[in-house]
Structures are given as structure tokens and as C-alpha cells.
C-alpha atoms as a PDB file:
ATOM      1  CA  UNK A   1      21.196  11.034 -46.280  1.00  0.00           C
ATOM      2  CA  UNK A   2      19.059  12.305 -43.484  1.00  0.00           C
ATOM      3  CA  UNK A   3      16.719   9.811 -41.934  1.00  0.00           C
ATOM      4  CA  UNK A   4      13.448  11.230 -40.833  1.00  0.00           C
ATOM      5  CA  UNK A   5      12.029  10.259 -37.520  1.00  0.00           C
ATOM      6  CA  UNK A   6       8.965   8.122 -37.568  1.00  0.00           C
ATOM      7  CA  UNK A   7       6.028   9.085 -35.274  1.00  0.00           C
ATOM      8  CA  UNK A   8       6.965   6.247 -32.923  1.00  0.00           C
ATOM      9  CA  UNK A   9      10.564   7.377 -32.594  1.00  0.00           C
ATOM     10  CA  UNK A  10       9.369  10.936 -32.080  1.00  0.00           C
ATOM     11  CA  UNK A  11       6.978   9.818 -29.291  1.00  0.00           C
ATOM     12  CA  UNK A  12       9.752   7.780 -27.605  1.00  0.00           C
ATOM     13  CA  UNK A  13      11.968  10.781 -27.672  1.00  0.00           C
ATOM     14  CA  UNK A  14       9.309  12.949 -26.077  1.00  0.00           C
ATOM     15  CA  UNK A  15       8.681  10.362 -23.336  1.00  0.00           C
ATOM     16  CA  UNK A  16      12.370   9.952 -22.688  1.00  0.00           C
ATOM     17  CA  UNK A  17      12.883  13.695 -22.327  1.00  0.00           C
ATOM     18  CA  UNK A  18       9.858  13.897 -19.889  1.00  0.00           C
ATOM     19  CA  UNK A  19      11.306  11.050 -17.911  1.00  0.00           C
ATOM     20  CA  UNK A  20      14.667  12.854 -17.699  1.00  0.00           C
ATOM     21  CA  UNK A  21      13.003  16.076 -16.633  1.00  0.00           C
ATOM     22  CA  UNK A  22      11.046  14.139 -13.975  1.00  0.00           C
ATOM     23  CA  UNK A  23      14.187  12.523 -12.525  1.00  0.00           C
ATOM     24  CA  UNK A  24      16.057  15.845 -12.629  1.00  0.00           C
ATOM     25  CA  UNK A  25      13.312  17.505 -10.612  1.00  0.00           C
ATOM     26  CA  UNK A  26      13.275  14.916  -7.867  1.00  0.00           C
ATOM     27  CA  UNK A  27      16.126  16.245  -5.684  1.00  0.00           C
ATOM     28  CA  UNK A  28      14.221  19.479  -5.169  1.00  0.00           C
ATOM     29  CA  UNK A  29      11.089  17.460  -4.220  1.00  0.00           C
ATOM     30  CA  UNK A  30      13.124  15.377  -1.772  1.00  0.00           C
ATOM     31  CA  UNK A  31      14.466  18.490  -0.041  1.00  0.00           C
ATOM     32  CA  UNK A  32      10.940  19.850   0.179  1.00  0.00           C
ATOM     33  CA  UNK A  33       9.805  16.505   1.708  1.00  0.00           C
ATOM     34  CA  UNK A  34      12.593  16.520   4.234  1.00  0.00           C
ATOM     35  CA  UNK A  35      11.517  20.009   5.445  1.00  0.00           C
ATOM     36  CA  UNK A  36       7.952  18.773   5.637  1.00  0.00           C
ATOM     37  CA  UNK A  37       8.987  15.764   7.708  1.00  0.00           C
ATOM     38  CA  UNK A  38      10.946  18.049  10.145  1.00  0.00           C
ATOM     39  CA  UNK A  39       7.880  20.151  10.631  1.00  0.00           C
ATOM     40  CA  UNK A  40       5.824  17.141  11.777  1.00  0.00           C
ATOM     41  CA  UNK A  41       7.531  17.361  15.212  1.00  0.00           C
ATOM     42  CA  UNK A  42       5.745  20.744  15.644  1.00  0.00           C
ATOM     43  CA  UNK A  43       2.147  20.448  16.839  1.00  0.00           C
ATOM     44  CA  UNK A  44       1.289  23.830  15.354  1.00  0.00           C
ATOM     45  CA  UNK A  45       2.345  22.771  11.907  1.00  0.00           C
ATOM     46  CA  UNK A  46       1.377  19.076  11.947  1.00  0.00           C
ATOM     47  CA  UNK A  47      -1.930  19.083  10.023  1.00  0.00           C
ATOM     48  CA  UNK A  48      -0.752  21.444   7.249  1.00  0.00           C
ATOM     49  CA  UNK A  49       2.603  19.782   6.774  1.00  0.00           C
ATOM     50  CA  UNK A  50       1.150  16.295   6.968  1.00  0.00           C
ATOM     51  CA  UNK A  51      -1.238  17.005   4.074  1.00  0.00           C
ATOM     52  CA  UNK A  52       1.487  18.634   2.033  1.00  0.00           C
ATOM     53  CA  UNK A  53       3.843  15.707   2.534  1.00  0.00           C
ATOM     54  CA  UNK A  54       1.151  13.193   1.764  1.00  0.00           C
ATOM     55  CA  UNK A  55       0.360  15.063  -1.555  1.00  0.00           C
ATOM     56  CA  UNK A  56       4.021  15.185  -2.445  1.00  0.00           C
ATOM     57  CA  UNK A  57       4.479  11.466  -1.946  1.00  0.00           C
ATOM     58  CA  UNK A  58       1.289  10.662  -3.821  1.00  0.00           C
ATOM     59  CA  UNK A  59       2.282  12.889  -6.725  1.00  0.00           C
ATOM     60  CA  UNK A  60       5.733  11.292  -7.014  1.00  0.00           C
ATOM     61  CA  UNK A  61       4.177   7.843  -6.883  1.00  0.00           C
ATOM     62  CA  UNK A  62       1.713   8.583  -9.669  1.00  0.00           C
ATOM     63  CA  UNK A  63       4.289  10.168 -11.912  1.00  0.00           C
ATOM     64  CA  UNK A  64       6.826   7.351 -11.259  1.00  0.00           C
ATOM     65  CA  UNK A  65       4.243   4.830 -12.442  1.00  0.00           C
ATOM     66  CA  UNK A  66       3.599   6.872 -15.537  1.00  0.00           C
ATOM     67  CA  UNK A  67       7.339   6.784 -16.403  1.00  0.00           C
ATOM     68  CA  UNK A  68       7.710   3.052 -15.651  1.00  0.00           C
ATOM     69  CA  UNK A  69       9.863   3.697 -12.561  1.00  0.00           C
ATOM     70  CA  UNK A  70       8.133   1.229 -10.406  1.00  0.00           C
ATOM     71  CA  UNK A  71      10.734   1.025  -7.615  1.00  0.00           C
ATOM     72  CA  UNK A  72       9.888   4.655  -6.873  1.00  0.00           C
ATOM     73  CA  UNK A  73       6.157   3.809  -6.791  1.00  0.00           C
ATOM     74  CA  UNK A  74       6.892   0.949  -4.463  1.00  0.00           C
ATOM     75  CA  UNK A  75       8.755   3.155  -1.958  1.00  0.00           C
ATOM     76  CA  UNK A  76       5.994   5.700  -2.180  1.00  0.00           C
ATOM     77  CA  UNK A  77       3.326   3.049  -1.535  1.00  0.00           C
ATOM     78  CA  UNK A  78       5.004   2.117   1.757  1.00  0.00           C
ATOM     79  CA  UNK A  79       5.611   5.807   2.605  1.00  0.00           C
ATOM     80  CA  UNK A  80       1.858   6.485   2.170  1.00  0.00           C
ATOM     81  CA  UNK A  81       1.010   3.475   4.391  1.00  0.00           C
ATOM     82  CA  UNK A  82       3.243   4.903   7.117  1.00  0.00           C
ATOM     83  CA  UNK A  83       1.828   8.364   6.803  1.00  0.00           C
ATOM     84  CA  UNK A  84      -1.739   7.016   6.900  1.00  0.00           C
ATOM     85  CA  UNK A  85      -1.096   5.175  10.169  1.00  0.00           C
ATOM     86  CA  UNK A  86      -0.086   8.631  11.690  1.00  0.00           C
ATOM     87  CA  UNK A  87      -2.942  10.635  10.261  1.00  0.00           C
ATOM     88  CA  UNK A  88      -4.799  11.150  13.573  1.00  0.00           C
ATOM     89  CA  UNK A  89      -1.628  12.243  15.567  1.00  0.00           C
ATOM     90  CA  UNK A  90      -0.807  15.810  16.508  1.00  0.00           C
ATOM     91  CA  UNK A  91       2.962  15.468  16.184  1.00  0.00           C
ATOM     92  CA  UNK A  92       5.623  12.733  15.569  1.00  0.00           C
ATOM     93  CA  UNK A  93       8.315  11.385  17.792  1.00  0.00           C
ATOM     94  CA  UNK A  94      12.027  11.541  16.789  1.00  0.00           C
ATOM     95  CA  UNK A  95      11.879   7.794  15.954  1.00  0.00           C
ATOM     96  CA  UNK A  96       8.912   8.235  13.736  1.00  0.00           C
ATOM     97  CA  UNK A  97      10.534  11.185  12.012  1.00  0.00           C
ATOM     98  CA  UNK A  98      13.750   9.066  11.457  1.00  0.00           C
ATOM     99  CA  UNK A  99      11.613   6.458   9.693  1.00  0.00           C
ATOM    100  CA  UNK A 100      10.148   9.012   7.341  1.00  0.00           C
ATOM    101  CA  UNK A 101      13.636  10.341   6.604  1.00  0.00           C
ATOM    102  CA  UNK A 102      14.658   6.771   5.664  1.00  0.00           C
ATOM    103  CA  UNK A 103      11.841   6.635   3.054  1.00  0.00           C
ATOM    104  CA  UNK A 104      13.165   9.819   1.529  1.00  0.00           C
ATOM    105  CA  UNK A 105      16.738   8.395   1.533  1.00  0.00           C
ATOM    106  CA  UNK A 106      15.520   5.271  -0.233  1.00  0.00           C
ATOM    107  CA  UNK A 107      13.821   7.325  -2.922  1.00  0.00           C
ATOM    108  CA  UNK A 108      17.055   9.299  -3.433  1.00  0.00           C
ATOM    109  CA  UNK A 109      19.118   6.145  -3.672  1.00  0.00           C
ATOM    110  CA  UNK A 110      16.614   4.595  -6.127  1.00  0.00           C
ATOM    111  CA  UNK A 111      16.798   7.744  -8.309  1.00  0.00           C
ATOM    112  CA  UNK A 112      20.685   7.653  -8.326  1.00  0.00           C
ATOM    113  CA  UNK A 113      20.580   3.969  -9.343  1.00  0.00           C
ATOM    114  CA  UNK A 114      18.050   4.598 -12.111  1.00  0.00           C
ATOM    115  CA  UNK A 115      20.195   7.365 -13.539  1.00  0.00           C
ATOM    116  CA  UNK A 116      23.168   5.008 -13.423  1.00  0.00           C
ATOM    117  CA  UNK A 117      21.202   2.494 -15.559  1.00  0.00           C
ATOM    118  CA  UNK A 118      20.051   0.071 -12.913  1.00  0.00           C
ATOM    119  CA  UNK A 119      16.833  -1.915 -13.542  1.00  0.00           C
ATOM    120  CA  UNK A 120      17.152  -4.405 -10.575  1.00  0.00           C
ATOM    121  CA  UNK A 121      16.970  -2.953  -7.030  1.00  0.00           C
ATOM    122  CA  UNK A 122      17.557  -5.845  -4.656  1.00  0.00           C
ATOM    123  CA  UNK A 123      19.315  -3.898  -1.959  1.00  0.00           C
ATOM    124  CA  UNK A 124      16.555  -1.227  -1.901  1.00  0.00           C
ATOM    125  CA  UNK A 125      13.806  -3.880  -1.815  1.00  0.00           C
ATOM    126  CA  UNK A 126      15.618  -5.417   1.186  1.00  0.00           C
ATOM    127  CA  UNK A 127      15.972  -2.111   2.909  1.00  0.00           C
ATOM    128  CA  UNK A 128      12.364  -1.404   2.266  1.00  0.00           C
ATOM    129  CA  UNK A 129      11.299  -4.634   3.800  1.00  0.00           C
ATOM    130  CA  UNK A 130      13.432  -4.045   6.868  1.00  0.00           C
ATOM    131  CA  UNK A 131      12.006  -0.542   7.316  1.00  0.00           C
ATOM    132  CA  UNK A 132       8.489  -1.830   6.951  1.00  0.00           C
ATOM    133  CA  UNK A 133       9.134  -4.261   9.741  1.00  0.00           C
ATOM    134  CA  UNK A 134      10.544  -1.541  12.007  1.00  0.00           C
ATOM    135  CA  UNK A 135       7.741   0.910  11.229  1.00  0.00           C
ATOM    136  CA  UNK A 136       4.893  -1.520  11.742  1.00  0.00           C
ATOM    137  CA  UNK A 137       6.505  -3.632  14.546  1.00  0.00           C
ATOM    138  CA  UNK A 138       3.549  -4.846  16.800  1.00  0.00           C
ATOM    139  CA  UNK A 139       0.923  -3.385  14.396  1.00  0.00           C
ATOM    140  CA  UNK A 140      -1.675  -5.770  12.936  1.00  0.00           C
ATOM    141  CA  UNK A 141      -2.020  -4.918   9.200  1.00  0.00           C
ATOM    142  CA  UNK A 142      -5.431  -5.723   7.800  1.00  0.00           C
ATOM    143  CA  UNK A 143      -6.483  -5.484   4.164  1.00  0.00           C
ATOM    144  CA  UNK A 144     -10.192  -4.871   3.690  1.00  0.00           C
ATOM    145  CA  UNK A 145     -11.251  -5.307   0.067  1.00  0.00           C
ATOM    146  CA  UNK A 146     -14.466  -3.919  -1.552  1.00  0.00           C
ATOM    147  CA  UNK A 147     -16.436  -3.390   1.648  1.00  0.00           C
ATOM    148  CA  UNK A 148     -18.774  -0.462   2.352  1.00  0.00           C
ATOM    149  CA  UNK A 149     -17.663   2.444   4.567  1.00  0.00           C
ATOM    150  CA  UNK A 150     -20.193   1.305   7.260  1.00  0.00           C
ATOM    151  CA  UNK A 151     -18.596  -2.104   7.368  1.00  0.00           C
ATOM    152  CA  UNK A 152     -15.096  -0.619   7.679  1.00  0.00           C
ATOM    153  CA  UNK A 153     -16.315   1.613  10.540  1.00  0.00           C
ATOM    154  CA  UNK A 154     -17.769  -1.360  12.278  1.00  0.00           C
ATOM    155  CA  UNK A 155     -14.564  -3.343  11.931  1.00  0.00           C
ATOM    156  CA  UNK A 156     -12.440  -0.450  13.114  1.00  0.00           C
ATOM    157  CA  UNK A 157     -14.758  -0.148  16.201  1.00  0.00           C
ATOM    158  CA  UNK A 158     -14.500  -3.840  16.921  1.00  0.00           C
ATOM    159  CA  UNK A 159     -10.734  -3.723  16.876  1.00  0.00           C
ATOM    160  CA  UNK A 160     -10.281  -0.426  18.750  1.00  0.00           C
ATOM    161  CA  UNK A 161      -8.314  -2.100  21.509  1.00  0.00           C
ATOM    162  CA  UNK A 162      -5.789  -3.607  19.063  1.00  0.00           C
ATOM    163  CA  UNK A 163      -2.865  -1.793  17.454  1.00  0.00           C
ATOM    164  CA  UNK A 164      -4.072  -2.056  13.847  1.00  0.00           C
ATOM    165  CA  UNK A 165      -3.554  -0.448  10.475  1.00  0.00           C
ATOM    166  CA  UNK A 166      -6.387  -0.915   8.000  1.00  0.00           C
ATOM    167  CA  UNK A 167      -5.815  -0.674   4.324  1.00  0.00           C
ATOM    168  CA  UNK A 168      -8.871  -0.513   2.094  1.00  0.00           C
ATOM    169  CA  UNK A 169      -8.994  -1.218  -1.581  1.00  0.00           C
ATOM    170  CA  UNK A 170     -11.991  -1.261  -3.992  1.00  0.00           C
ATOM    171  CA  UNK A 171     -11.224  -4.069  -6.559  1.00  0.00           C
ATOM    172  CA  UNK A 172      -9.685  -7.507  -6.750  1.00  0.00           C
ATOM    173  CA  UNK A 173      -6.954  -6.793  -9.270  1.00  0.00           C
ATOM    174  CA  UNK A 174      -5.618  -3.854  -7.333  1.00  0.00           C
ATOM    175  CA  UNK A 175      -5.587  -5.965  -4.190  1.00  0.00           C
ATOM    176  CA  UNK A 176      -3.694  -8.756  -5.822  1.00  0.00           C
ATOM    177  CA  UNK A 177      -0.982  -6.377  -6.784  1.00  0.00           C
ATOM    178  CA  UNK A 178      -0.895  -5.063  -3.153  1.00  0.00           C
ATOM    179  CA  UNK A 179      -0.705  -8.465  -1.738  1.00  0.00           C
ATOM    180  CA  UNK A 180       2.178  -9.507  -3.937  1.00  0.00           C
ATOM    181  CA  UNK A 181       4.287  -6.627  -2.690  1.00  0.00           C
ATOM    182  CA  UNK A 182       3.157  -5.758   0.904  1.00  0.00           C
ATOM    183  CA  UNK A 183       2.857  -8.095   3.995  1.00  0.00           C
ATOM    184  CA  UNK A 184      -0.536  -8.205   5.735  1.00  0.00           C
ATOM    185  CA  UNK A 185      -1.632 -10.134   8.786  1.00  0.00           C
ATOM    186  CA  UNK A 186      -5.248 -10.605   7.770  1.00  0.00           C
ATOM    187  CA  UNK A 187      -7.640  -9.998   4.809  1.00  0.00           C
ATOM    188  CA  UNK A 188     -11.365  -9.451   4.887  1.00  0.00           C
ATOM    189  CA  UNK A 189     -13.021  -9.690   1.455  1.00  0.00           C
ATOM    190  CA  UNK A 190     -16.306 -10.194  -0.313  1.00  0.00           C
ATOM    191  CA  UNK A 191     -17.018 -12.118  -3.477  1.00  0.00           C
ATOM    192  CA  UNK A 192     -18.517  -9.468  -5.711  1.00  0.00           C
ATOM    193  CA  UNK A 193     -15.583  -7.275  -6.731  1.00  0.00           C
ATOM    194  CA  UNK A 194     -14.768  -5.375  -9.948  1.00  0.00           C
ATOM    195  CA  UNK A 195     -11.858  -6.480 -12.138  1.00  0.00           C
ATOM    196  CA  UNK A 196     -11.181  -9.765 -10.271  1.00  0.00           C
ATOM    197  CA  UNK A 197     -13.856 -11.357  -7.948  1.00  0.00           C
ATOM    198  CA  UNK A 198     -13.133 -12.403  -4.353  1.00  0.00           C
ATOM    199  CA  UNK A 199     -12.916 -16.159  -5.133  1.00  0.00           C
ATOM    200  CA  UNK A 200     -10.332 -15.604  -7.916  1.00  0.00           C
ATOM    201  CA  UNK A 201      -8.354 -13.232  -5.644  1.00  0.00           C
ATOM    202  CA  UNK A 202      -8.205 -15.852  -2.814  1.00  0.00           C
ATOM    203  CA  UNK A 203      -7.248 -18.633  -5.230  1.00  0.00           C
ATOM    204  CA  UNK A 204      -4.430 -16.441  -6.815  1.00  0.00           C
ATOM    205  CA  UNK A 205      -2.906 -15.484  -3.428  1.00  0.00           C
ATOM    206  CA  UNK A 206      -3.039 -19.033  -2.036  1.00  0.00           C
ATOM    207  CA  UNK A 207      -1.279 -20.389  -5.113  1.00  0.00           C
ATOM    208  CA  UNK A 208       1.377 -17.690  -5.118  1.00  0.00           C
ATOM    209  CA  UNK A 209       4.653 -17.783  -3.319  1.00  0.00           C
ATOM    210  CA  UNK A 210       4.190 -14.233  -1.958  1.00  0.00           C
ATOM    211  CA  UNK A 211       4.469 -12.890   1.588  1.00  0.00           C
ATOM    212  CA  UNK A 212       0.715 -13.451   2.058  1.00  0.00           C
ATOM    213  CA  UNK A 213       0.146 -16.902   0.637  1.00  0.00           C
ATOM    214  CA  UNK A 214      -0.671 -18.317   4.138  1.00  0.00           C
ATOM    215  CA  UNK A 215      -2.346 -15.173   5.535  1.00  0.00           C
ATOM    216  CA  UNK A 216      -5.685 -15.728   7.418  1.00  0.00           C
ATOM    217  CA  UNK A 217      -8.695 -14.769   5.284  1.00  0.00           C
ATOM    218  CA  UNK A 218     -12.188 -13.843   6.287  1.00  0.00           C
ATOM    219  CA  UNK A 219     -14.696 -14.106   3.380  1.00  0.00           C
ATOM    220  CA  UNK A 220     -18.083 -12.361   3.570  1.00  0.00           C
ATOM    221  CA  UNK A 221     -20.655 -13.967   1.285  1.00  0.00           C
ATOM    222  CA  UNK A 222     -24.400 -14.361   0.589  1.00  0.00           C
ATOM    223  CA  UNK A 223     -26.135 -17.638   1.276  1.00  0.00           C
ATOM    224  CA  UNK A 224     -26.172 -18.421  -2.456  1.00  0.00           C
ATOM    225  CA  UNK A 225     -22.336 -18.313  -2.622  1.00  0.00           C
ATOM    226  CA  UNK A 226     -21.531 -20.006   0.692  1.00  0.00           C
ATOM    227  CA  UNK A 227     -21.134 -23.508  -0.673  1.00  0.00           C
ATOM    228  CA  UNK A 228     -18.600 -22.402  -3.409  1.00  0.00           C
ATOM    229  CA  UNK A 229     -16.756 -20.284  -0.852  1.00  0.00           C
ATOM    230  CA  UNK A 230     -16.158 -23.151   1.535  1.00  0.00           C
ATOM    231  CA  UNK A 231     -14.119 -25.016  -1.213  1.00  0.00           C
ATOM    232  CA  UNK A 232     -11.363 -22.349  -0.879  1.00  0.00           C
ATOM    233  CA  UNK A 233      -8.637 -22.229   1.729  1.00  0.00           C
ATOM    234  CA  UNK A 234     -10.460 -19.552   3.787  1.00  0.00           C
ATOM    235  CA  UNK A 235     -10.244 -19.402   7.583  1.00  0.00           C
ATOM    236  CA  UNK A 236     -13.708 -18.093   8.085  1.00  0.00           C
ATOM    237  CA  UNK A 237     -16.689 -17.890   5.778  1.00  0.00           C
ATOM    238  CA  UNK A 238     -19.266 -15.438   7.170  1.00  0.00           C
ATOM    239  CA  UNK A 239     -22.666 -14.968   5.846  1.00  0.00           C
ATOM    240  CA  UNK A 240     -24.145 -11.515   5.303  1.00  0.00           C
ATOM    241  CA  UNK A 241     -27.145 -11.761   7.773  1.00  0.00           C
ATOM    242  CA  UNK A 242     -28.124 -10.468  11.123  1.00  0.00           C
ATOM    243  CA  UNK A 243     -25.380 -12.312  12.927  1.00  0.00           C
ATOM    244  CA  UNK A 244     -22.675 -11.035  10.575  1.00  0.00           C
ATOM    245  CA  UNK A 245     -21.119  -8.500  13.047  1.00  0.00           C
ATOM    246  CA  UNK A 246     -20.939 -10.894  15.958  1.00  0.00           C
ATOM    247  CA  UNK A 247     -19.384 -13.577  13.678  1.00  0.00           C
ATOM    248  CA  UNK A 248     -16.855 -11.166  12.396  1.00  0.00           C
ATOM    249  CA  UNK A 249     -15.900 -10.180  15.973  1.00  0.00           C
ATOM    250  CA  UNK A 250     -15.518 -13.894  16.919  1.00  0.00           C
ATOM    251  CA  UNK A 251     -13.412 -14.594  13.879  1.00  0.00           C
ATOM    252  CA  UNK A 252     -11.114 -11.594  14.515  1.00  0.00           C
ATOM    253  CA  UNK A 253     -10.675 -12.559  18.207  1.00  0.00           C
ATOM    254  CA  UNK A 254      -9.850 -16.101  17.202  1.00  0.00           C
ATOM    255  CA  UNK A 255      -7.301 -15.038  14.578  1.00  0.00           C
ATOM    256  CA  UNK A 256      -5.661 -12.167  16.511  1.00  0.00           C
ATOM    257  CA  UNK A 257      -5.219 -13.997  19.786  1.00  0.00           C
END
């Protein structure tokens, strides 16, 4: 007797086939990325190849998340962070190029392990952490959550003499996910955020056992919220008033020294 497929089984088959096609296509994408990385040593090609490589990494990250291949997404997240830190350069050194090749190698290794049935990737996670340390050695990583572009510009100007990498995110839930996986040296956050407000975000990260549970935090708040904000384990609570910029500068200098 022939057993007909239910709609659910049919959908699972389609998704499985799409996942297999995605994995089968990756080696070609990796080779393309390697050629783009090599081109970043050439000043005449830098801008064009940088943009092409960033699009490639971003595309792989998005598709990997769609197929539930989160280790690939994690590697691409770090890959993007490294590329973002080199956005304003005109070419890369051999050392910087070697770091980018390592990201591609990790993607290829993860793909191979996925095809072989792995669902735990401890060695890749360890290699990714080590690479992150090498790439951002001496760089101060700052997460800015839900702030206006003008505030971000001001902060960037205040810290122009420091080797910094600024990551900006728009909502609390997205930021919590980032903080669980990536190490930061400092976070600046407001209270009014979509999905998860600033107070809940701070409470969650302080109670976690993540890399950032003891990270210094600067909270920007209105006068109405300042009493509630001081109950949290925040290093600096800064009110949004005419003294905000000077107070942020003092807080940064105190933390970063």
C-alpha cells in the first residue's frame, strides 16, 4: 500500500532539499570569497572587492539562519565585525588578509562537519574565540544600543584617539543575543528600546554567565527614570540634559583608563 505524503512531510522534504542545495553551493561561494580577500591587498580594487565580500558574507549569514545552520551564522557575524573594522582602509596587510582567510576556513570546516551530521561545534567555537582575540587585540569593542546617529557620531568623535570598534544595534532582544555570543568591553544603552527595554537587557546580562556579565555599562536615561535605573548594577547613569556629552566623556575616560 502506498502511503501518501502529508502536507507537513512534503514541506519538510522541500526544506531539506533547499538546505542540501545551499550546502552544496557553499564551496563555490567560499572560493569566490577567497579571491575577494586576496584582492583587498590591491588599493585599486579595495572598495569594490570589500563591498562584494561583505555582501557575500551577509548573504551566507542570512541563508544559514533560515536553514537553522547557526554555527555558520555565528562565524559570519564575526566575519562581518572584522570587515566593518576595516571599512575605511584602502588596502589590507598580509596579517589582516590571513585573518580573513581563517574565517573562510572556519566556514568550510563547519560545512563539512554539518554534512557529516554534527550538531555540536566546540572546536570551531574555540577557534572562533581565539581568532576574535587575535583580530581585535588592543581594540576596545563598544556596543551602542538604540541611540540616534547623532549620539553615535558624538561618541565616535569623543573616542577618536582610542583604538575602538563600535557596534550599533536597534533593539534590546537583538542586543541580548549579541551579548551572549560576542565579547564587548563596554555598552552604552538607553531605557526605551523595542522588543526588550534597557533595564531588562541590563538585568538579563548581569544575571547571565556570559562573556559580558561584568562588562562596564553606561545607561542614558531621562530624569523620570533615573531613580529606577540606579537600582541596577550600572557603572554610570547619565541623564539626557545639557551636560550629557561632557558626562559621557568623563565616564568613558574613567572606564577606559
